[in-house]
PDB file of all heavy atoms in Angstrom:
ATOM      1  N   ASP A   1      -5.427  19.678 -14.944  1.00  0.00           N
ATOM      2  CA  ASP A   1      -6.871  19.506 -15.213  1.00  0.00           C
ATOM      3  C   ASP A   1      -7.079  18.906 -16.604  1.00  0.00           C
ATOM      4  O   ASP A   1      -6.138  18.904 -17.455  1.00  0.00           O
ATOM      5  CB  ASP A   1      -7.631  20.841 -15.109  1.00  0.00           C
ATOM      6  CG  ASP A   1      -7.052  21.940 -15.950  1.00  0.00           C
ATOM      7  OD1 ASP A   1      -6.664  21.719 -17.060  1.00  0.00           O
ATOM      8  OD2 ASP A   1      -6.986  23.067 -15.392  1.00  0.00           O
ATOM      9  N   GLU A   2      -8.220  18.400 -16.813  1.00  0.00           N
ATOM     10  CA  GLU A   2      -8.664  17.905 -18.114  1.00  0.00           C
ATOM     11  C   GLU A   2     -10.134  18.295 -18.232  1.00  0.00           C
ATOM     12  O   GLU A   2     -10.969  17.789 -17.530  1.00  0.00           O
ATOM     13  CB  GLU A   2      -8.501  16.383 -18.193  1.00  0.00           C
ATOM     14  CG  GLU A   2      -8.966  15.831 -19.543  1.00  0.00           C
ATOM     15  CD  GLU A   2      -8.858  14.313 -19.637  1.00  0.00           C
ATOM     16  OE1 GLU A   2      -7.738  13.817 -19.409  1.00  0.00           O
ATOM     17  OE2 GLU A   2      -9.893  13.695 -19.835  1.00  0.00           O
ATOM     18  N   VAL A   3     -10.415  19.217 -19.123  1.00  0.00           N
ATOM     19  CA  VAL A   3     -11.783  19.720 -19.285  1.00  0.00           C
ATOM     20  C   VAL A   3     -12.154  19.474 -20.777  1.00  0.00           C
ATOM     21  O   VAL A   3     -11.410  19.778 -21.680  1.00  0.00           O
ATOM     22  CB  VAL A   3     -11.873  21.252 -18.950  1.00  0.00           C
ATOM     23  CG1 VAL A   3     -13.285  21.766 -19.201  1.00  0.00           C
ATOM     24  CG2 VAL A   3     -11.496  21.461 -17.514  1.00  0.00           C
ATOM     25  N   ARG A   4     -13.356  18.919 -20.948  1.00  0.00           N
ATOM     26  CA  ARG A   4     -13.920  18.642 -22.286  1.00  0.00           C
ATOM     27  C   ARG A   4     -14.920  19.711 -22.602  1.00  0.00           C
ATOM     28  O   ARG A   4     -16.072  19.610 -22.133  1.00  0.00           O
ATOM     29  CB  ARG A   4     -14.486  17.248 -22.292  1.00  0.00           C
ATOM     30  CG  ARG A   4     -13.465  16.126 -22.060  1.00  0.00           C
ATOM     31  CD  ARG A   4     -14.117  14.761 -21.853  1.00  0.00           C
ATOM     32  NE  ARG A   4     -13.363  13.969 -20.970  1.00  0.00           N
ATOM     33  CZ  ARG A   4     -13.450  13.916 -19.654  1.00  0.00           C
ATOM     34  NH1 ARG A   4     -14.319  14.689 -19.033  1.00  0.00           N
ATOM     35  NH2 ARG A   4     -12.711  13.166 -18.932  1.00  0.00           N
ATOM     36  N   PRO A   5     -14.578  20.725 -23.364  1.00  0.00           N
ATOM     37  CA  PRO A   5     -15.504  21.796 -23.620  1.00  0.00           C
ATOM     38  C   PRO A   5     -16.803  21.363 -24.260  1.00  0.00           C
ATOM     39  O   PRO A   5     -17.888  21.920 -23.976  1.00  0.00           O
ATOM     40  CB  PRO A   5     -14.757  22.742 -24.522  1.00  0.00           C
ATOM     41  CG  PRO A   5     -13.314  22.452 -24.278  1.00  0.00           C
ATOM     42  CD  PRO A   5     -13.264  21.025 -23.936  1.00  0.00           C
ATOM     43  N   ALA A   6     -16.779  20.347 -25.147  1.00  0.00           N
ATOM     44  CA  ALA A   6     -17.966  19.908 -25.856  1.00  0.00           C
ATOM     45  C   ALA A   6     -19.026  19.381 -24.888  1.00  0.00           C
ATOM     46  O   ALA A   6     -20.232  19.537 -25.147  1.00  0.00           O
ATOM     47  CB  ALA A   6     -17.602  18.877 -26.898  1.00  0.00           C
ATOM     48  N   THR A   7     -18.585  18.751 -23.836  1.00  0.00           N
ATOM     49  CA  THR A   7     -19.554  18.159 -22.890  1.00  0.00           C
ATOM     50  C   THR A   7     -19.559  18.885 -21.526  1.00  0.00           C
ATOM     51  O   THR A   7     -20.391  18.593 -20.689  1.00  0.00           O
ATOM     52  CB  THR A   7     -19.212  16.701 -22.611  1.00  0.00           C
ATOM     53  OG1 THR A   7     -17.880  16.583 -22.051  1.00  0.00           O
ATOM     54  CG2 THR A   7     -19.269  15.864 -23.881  1.00  0.00           C
ATOM     55  N   ALA A   8     -18.687  19.867 -21.372  1.00  0.00           N
ATOM     56  CA  ALA A   8     -18.559  20.628 -20.126  1.00  0.00           C
ATOM     57  C   ALA A   8     -18.297  19.685 -18.938  1.00  0.00           C
ATOM     58  O   ALA A   8     -18.826  19.890 -17.818  1.00  0.00           O
ATOM     59  CB  ALA A   8     -19.771  21.526 -19.860  1.00  0.00           C
ATOM     60  N   THR A   9     -17.575  18.643 -19.186  1.00  0.00           N
ATOM     61  CA  THR A   9     -17.181  17.716 -18.112  1.00  0.00           C
ATOM     62  C   THR A   9     -15.651  17.640 -17.992  1.00  0.00           C
ATOM     63  O   THR A   9     -14.946  18.147 -18.858  1.00  0.00           O
ATOM     64  CB  THR A   9     -17.722  16.308 -18.383  1.00  0.00           C
ATOM     65  OG1 THR A   9     -17.207  15.860 -19.625  1.00  0.00           O
ATOM     66  CG2 THR A   9     -19.251  16.334 -18.448  1.00  0.00           C
ATOM     67  N   GLY A  10     -15.149  17.015 -16.959  1.00  0.00           N
ATOM     68  CA  GLY A  10     -13.730  16.853 -16.763  1.00  0.00           C
ATOM     69  C   GLY A  10     -13.353  16.819 -15.318  1.00  0.00           C
ATOM     70  O   GLY A  10     -14.229  16.444 -14.483  1.00  0.00           O
ATOM     71  N   TRP A  11     -12.176  17.218 -14.985  1.00  0.00           N
ATOM     72  CA  TRP A  11     -11.718  17.206 -13.595  1.00  0.00           C
ATOM     73  C   TRP A  11     -10.588  18.216 -13.432  1.00  0.00           C
ATOM     74  O   TRP A  11      -9.960  18.651 -14.392  1.00  0.00           O
ATOM     75  CB  TRP A  11     -11.297  15.825 -13.176  1.00  0.00           C
ATOM     76  CG  TRP A  11     -10.269  15.190 -14.100  1.00  0.00           C
ATOM     77  CD1 TRP A  11     -10.527  14.347 -15.153  1.00  0.00           C
ATOM     78  CD2 TRP A  11      -8.850  15.362 -14.034  1.00  0.00           C
ATOM     79  NE1 TRP A  11      -9.345  14.001 -15.810  1.00  0.00           N
ATOM     80  CE2 TRP A  11      -8.290  14.593 -15.142  1.00  0.00           C
ATOM     81  CE3 TRP A  11      -7.967  16.024 -13.231  1.00  0.00           C
ATOM     82  CZ2 TRP A  11      -6.935  14.516 -15.349  1.00  0.00           C
ATOM     83  CZ3 TRP A  11      -6.620  15.982 -13.503  1.00  0.00           C
ATOM     84  CH2 TRP A  11      -6.082  15.218 -14.539  1.00  0.00           C
ATOM     85  N   THR A  12     -10.295  18.528 -12.195  1.00  0.00           N
ATOM     86  CA  THR A  12      -9.191  19.381 -11.835  1.00  0.00           C
ATOM     87  C   THR A  12      -8.593  18.903 -10.539  1.00  0.00           C
ATOM     88  O   THR A  12      -9.313  18.463  -9.642  1.00  0.00           O
ATOM     89  CB  THR A  12      -9.669  20.867 -11.691  1.00  0.00           C
ATOM     90  OG1 THR A  12      -8.580  21.662 -11.309  1.00  0.00           O
ATOM     91  CG2 THR A  12     -10.780  21.042 -10.686  1.00  0.00           C
ATOM     92  N   VAL A  13      -7.247  18.904 -10.458  1.00  0.00           N
ATOM     93  CA  VAL A  13      -6.518  18.400  -9.274  1.00  0.00           C
ATOM     94  C   VAL A  13      -5.435  19.389  -8.904  1.00  0.00           C
ATOM     95  O   VAL A  13      -4.752  19.917  -9.788  1.00  0.00           O
ATOM     96  CB  VAL A  13      -5.919  17.014  -9.536  1.00  0.00           C
ATOM     97  CG1 VAL A  13      -4.947  16.587  -8.415  1.00  0.00           C
ATOM     98  CG2 VAL A  13      -6.990  15.987  -9.714  1.00  0.00           C
ATOM     99  N   THR A  14      -5.288  19.653  -7.618  1.00  0.00           N
ATOM    100  CA  THR A  14      -4.228  20.499  -7.115  1.00  0.00           C
ATOM    101  C   THR A  14      -3.481  19.752  -6.006  1.00  0.00           C
ATOM    102  O   THR A  14      -4.138  19.257  -5.084  1.00  0.00           O
ATOM    103  CB  THR A  14      -4.792  21.830  -6.564  1.00  0.00           C
ATOM    104  OG1 THR A  14      -5.519  22.481  -7.625  1.00  0.00           O
ATOM    105  CG2 THR A  14      -3.697  22.751  -6.091  1.00  0.00           C
ATOM    106  N   VAL A  15      -2.164  19.682  -6.117  1.00  0.00           N
ATOM    107  CA  VAL A  15      -1.382  19.117  -5.055  1.00  0.00           C
ATOM    108  C   VAL A  15      -0.404  20.208  -4.520  1.00  0.00           C
ATOM    109  O   VAL A  15       0.007  21.049  -5.302  1.00  0.00           O
ATOM    110  CB  VAL A  15      -0.624  17.841  -5.462  1.00  0.00           C
ATOM    111  CG1 VAL A  15      -1.548  16.715  -5.799  1.00  0.00           C
ATOM    112  CG2 VAL A  15       0.330  18.124  -6.681  1.00  0.00           C
ATOM    113  N   ALA A  16      -0.028  20.095  -3.267  1.00  0.00           N
ATOM    114  CA  ALA A  16       0.916  21.068  -2.702  1.00  0.00           C
ATOM    115  C   ALA A  16       1.796  20.360  -1.722  1.00  0.00           C
ATOM    116  O   ALA A  16       1.378  19.369  -1.086  1.00  0.00           O
ATOM    117  CB  ALA A  16       0.158  22.191  -2.018  1.00  0.00           C
ATOM    118  N   GLY A  17       3.076  20.794  -1.633  1.00  0.00           N
ATOM    119  CA  GLY A  17       3.965  20.162  -0.714  1.00  0.00           C
ATOM    120  C   GLY A  17       5.395  20.620  -0.893  1.00  0.00           C
ATOM    121  O   GLY A  17       5.665  21.509  -1.684  1.00  0.00           O
ATOM    122  N   ARG A  18       6.255  19.942  -0.152  1.00  0.00           N
ATOM    123  CA  ARG A  18       7.685  20.226  -0.201  1.00  0.00           C
ATOM    124  C   ARG A  18       8.238  19.849  -1.602  1.00  0.00           C
ATOM    125  O   ARG A  18       7.777  18.880  -2.193  1.00  0.00           O
ATOM    126  CB  ARG A  18       8.465  19.446   0.834  1.00  0.00           C
ATOM    127  CG  ARG A  18       8.081  19.808   2.268  1.00  0.00           C
ATOM    128  CD  ARG A  18       8.787  18.901   3.281  1.00  0.00           C
ATOM    129  NE  ARG A  18       8.168  17.550   3.183  1.00  0.00           N
ATOM    130  CZ  ARG A  18       8.772  16.463   2.768  1.00  0.00           C
ATOM    131  NH1 ARG A  18      10.076  16.509   2.458  1.00  0.00           N
ATOM    132  NH2 ARG A  18       8.166  15.298   2.715  1.00  0.00           N
ATOM    133  N   VAL A  19       9.176  20.638  -2.060  1.00  0.00           N
ATOM    134  CA  VAL A  19       9.742  20.373  -3.370  1.00  0.00           C
ATOM    135  C   VAL A  19      11.261  20.491  -3.303  1.00  0.00           C
ATOM    136  O   VAL A  19      11.815  21.258  -2.510  1.00  0.00           O
ATOM    137  CB  VAL A  19       9.180  21.368  -4.425  1.00  0.00           C
ATOM    138  CG1 VAL A  19       9.646  22.785  -4.185  1.00  0.00           C
ATOM    139  CG2 VAL A  19       9.472  20.897  -5.849  1.00  0.00           C
ATOM    140  N   GLY A  20      11.915  19.714  -4.141  1.00  0.00           N
ATOM    141  CA  GLY A  20      13.393  19.816  -4.243  1.00  0.00           C
ATOM    142  C   GLY A  20      13.770  19.747  -5.679  1.00  0.00           C
ATOM    143  O   GLY A  20      13.144  19.112  -6.527  1.00  0.00           O
ATOM    144  N   VAL A  21      14.875  20.426  -6.014  1.00  0.00           N
ATOM    145  CA  VAL A  21      15.441  20.432  -7.362  1.00  0.00           C
ATOM    146  C   VAL A  21      16.248  19.153  -7.546  1.00  0.00           C
ATOM    147  O   VAL A  21      17.055  18.839  -6.663  1.00  0.00           O
ATOM    148  CB  VAL A  21      16.289  21.690  -7.625  1.00  0.00           C
ATOM    149  CG1 VAL A  21      16.947  21.658  -8.975  1.00  0.00           C
ATOM    150  CG2 VAL A  21      15.420  22.932  -7.491  1.00  0.00           C
ATOM    151  N   ILE A  22      16.026  18.465  -8.626  1.00  0.00           N
ATOM    152  CA  ILE A  22      16.813  17.250  -8.915  1.00  0.00           C
ATOM    153  C   ILE A  22      18.116  17.670  -9.531  1.00  0.00           C
ATOM    154  O   ILE A  22      18.130  18.295 -10.603  1.00  0.00           O
ATOM    155  CB  ILE A  22      16.007  16.302  -9.876  1.00  0.00           C
ATOM    156  CG1 ILE A  22      14.697  15.860  -9.142  1.00  0.00           C
ATOM    157  CG2 ILE A  22      16.844  15.100 -10.269  1.00  0.00           C
ATOM    158  CD1 ILE A  22      13.736  15.094  -9.990  1.00  0.00           C
ATOM    159  N   THR A  23      19.224  17.301  -8.954  1.00  0.00           N
ATOM    160  CA  THR A  23      20.550  17.664  -9.459  1.00  0.00           C
ATOM    161  C   THR A  23      21.466  16.494  -9.772  1.00  0.00           C
ATOM    162  O   THR A  23      22.461  16.673 -10.495  1.00  0.00           O
ATOM    163  CB  THR A  23      21.245  18.600  -8.428  1.00  0.00           C
ATOM    164  OG1 THR A  23      21.386  17.900  -7.189  1.00  0.00           O
ATOM    165  CG2 THR A  23      20.482  19.897  -8.240  1.00  0.00           C
ATOM    166  N   ASP A  24      21.156  15.321  -9.258  1.00  0.00           N
ATOM    167  CA  ASP A  24      22.030  14.129  -9.532  1.00  0.00           C
ATOM    168  C   ASP A  24      22.059  13.895 -11.062  1.00  0.00           C
ATOM    169  O   ASP A  24      21.019  13.758 -11.712  1.00  0.00           O
ATOM    170  CB  ASP A  24      21.491  12.924  -8.850  1.00  0.00           C
ATOM    171  CG  ASP A  24      22.283  11.659  -9.187  1.00  0.00           C
ATOM    172  OD1 ASP A  24      23.363  11.547  -8.632  1.00  0.00           O
ATOM    173  OD2 ASP A  24      21.780  10.881 -10.015  1.00  0.00           O
ATOM    174  N   PRO A  25      23.251  13.899 -11.685  1.00  0.00           N
ATOM    175  CA  PRO A  25      23.366  13.801 -13.135  1.00  0.00           C
ATOM    176  C   PRO A  25      22.642  12.542 -13.717  1.00  0.00           C
ATOM    177  O   PRO A  25      22.024  12.640 -14.763  1.00  0.00           O
ATOM    178  CB  PRO A  25      24.876  13.698 -13.394  1.00  0.00           C
ATOM    179  CG  PRO A  25      25.517  14.312 -12.191  1.00  0.00           C
ATOM    180  CD  PRO A  25      24.584  14.023 -11.034  1.00  0.00           C
ATOM    181  N   ASP A  26      22.698  11.409 -13.045  1.00  0.00           N
ATOM    182  CA  ASP A  26      22.016  10.210 -13.566  1.00  0.00           C
ATOM    183  C   ASP A  26      20.544  10.347 -13.516  1.00  0.00           C
ATOM    184  O   ASP A  26      19.839   9.966 -14.432  1.00  0.00           O
ATOM    185  CB  ASP A  26      22.484   8.950 -12.795  1.00  0.00           C
ATOM    186  CG  ASP A  26      23.969   8.582 -13.041  1.00  0.00           C
ATOM    187  OD1 ASP A  26      24.467   8.914 -14.159  1.00  0.00           O
ATOM    188  OD2 ASP A  26      24.610   8.018 -12.147  1.00  0.00           O
ATOM    189  N   GLU A  27      20.078  10.899 -12.362  1.00  0.00           N
ATOM    190  CA  GLU A  27      18.622  11.113 -12.258  1.00  0.00           C
ATOM    191  C   GLU A  27      18.101  12.158 -13.229  1.00  0.00           C
ATOM    192  O   GLU A  27      17.041  12.067 -13.815  1.00  0.00           O
ATOM    193  CB  GLU A  27      18.267  11.461 -10.847  1.00  0.00           C
ATOM    194  CG  GLU A  27      16.767  11.420 -10.538  1.00  0.00           C
ATOM    195  CD  GLU A  27      16.447  11.580  -9.074  1.00  0.00           C
ATOM    196  OE1 GLU A  27      17.291  11.841  -8.268  1.00  0.00           O
ATOM    197  OE2 GLU A  27      15.238  11.457  -8.772  1.00  0.00           O
ATOM    198  N   VAL A  28      18.918  13.212 -13.430  1.00  0.00           N
ATOM    199  CA  VAL A  28      18.551  14.281 -14.385  1.00  0.00           C
ATOM    200  C   VAL A  28      18.412  13.653 -15.779  1.00  0.00           C
ATOM    201  O   VAL A  28      17.455  13.896 -16.498  1.00  0.00           O
ATOM    202  CB  VAL A  28      19.601  15.417 -14.380  1.00  0.00           C
ATOM    203  CG1 VAL A  28      19.406  16.325 -15.575  1.00  0.00           C
ATOM    204  CG2 VAL A  28      19.476  16.224 -13.079  1.00  0.00           C
ATOM    205  N   ALA A  29      19.390  12.836 -16.191  1.00  0.00           N
ATOM    206  CA  ALA A  29      19.381  12.207 -17.483  1.00  0.00           C
ATOM    207  C   ALA A  29      18.134  11.312 -17.661  1.00  0.00           C
ATOM    208  O   ALA A  29      17.468  11.359 -18.677  1.00  0.00           O
ATOM    209  CB  ALA A  29      20.628  11.427 -17.738  1.00  0.00           C
ATOM    210  N   HIS A  30      17.834  10.527 -16.648  1.00  0.00           N
ATOM    211  CA  HIS A  30      16.684   9.678 -16.670  1.00  0.00           C
ATOM    212  C   HIS A  30      15.387  10.515 -16.781  1.00  0.00           C
ATOM    213  O   HIS A  30      14.515  10.161 -17.633  1.00  0.00           O
ATOM    214  CB  HIS A  30      16.603   8.797 -15.384  1.00  0.00           C
ATOM    215  CG  HIS A  30      15.316   8.114 -15.253  1.00  0.00           C
ATOM    216  ND1 HIS A  30      15.036   6.969 -16.026  1.00  0.00           N
ATOM    217  CD2 HIS A  30      14.255   8.288 -14.474  1.00  0.00           C
ATOM    218  CE1 HIS A  30      13.818   6.543 -15.718  1.00  0.00           C
ATOM    219  NE2 HIS A  30      13.322   7.345 -14.757  1.00  0.00           N
TER     220      HIS A  30
END
């Protein structure tokens, strides 16, 4: 989310789904 208290405006986003842990050493380094 990004909320601007001074103006009481902003946005909020929620995503959900399948997840995997990244383990490939090159991809981890990147």
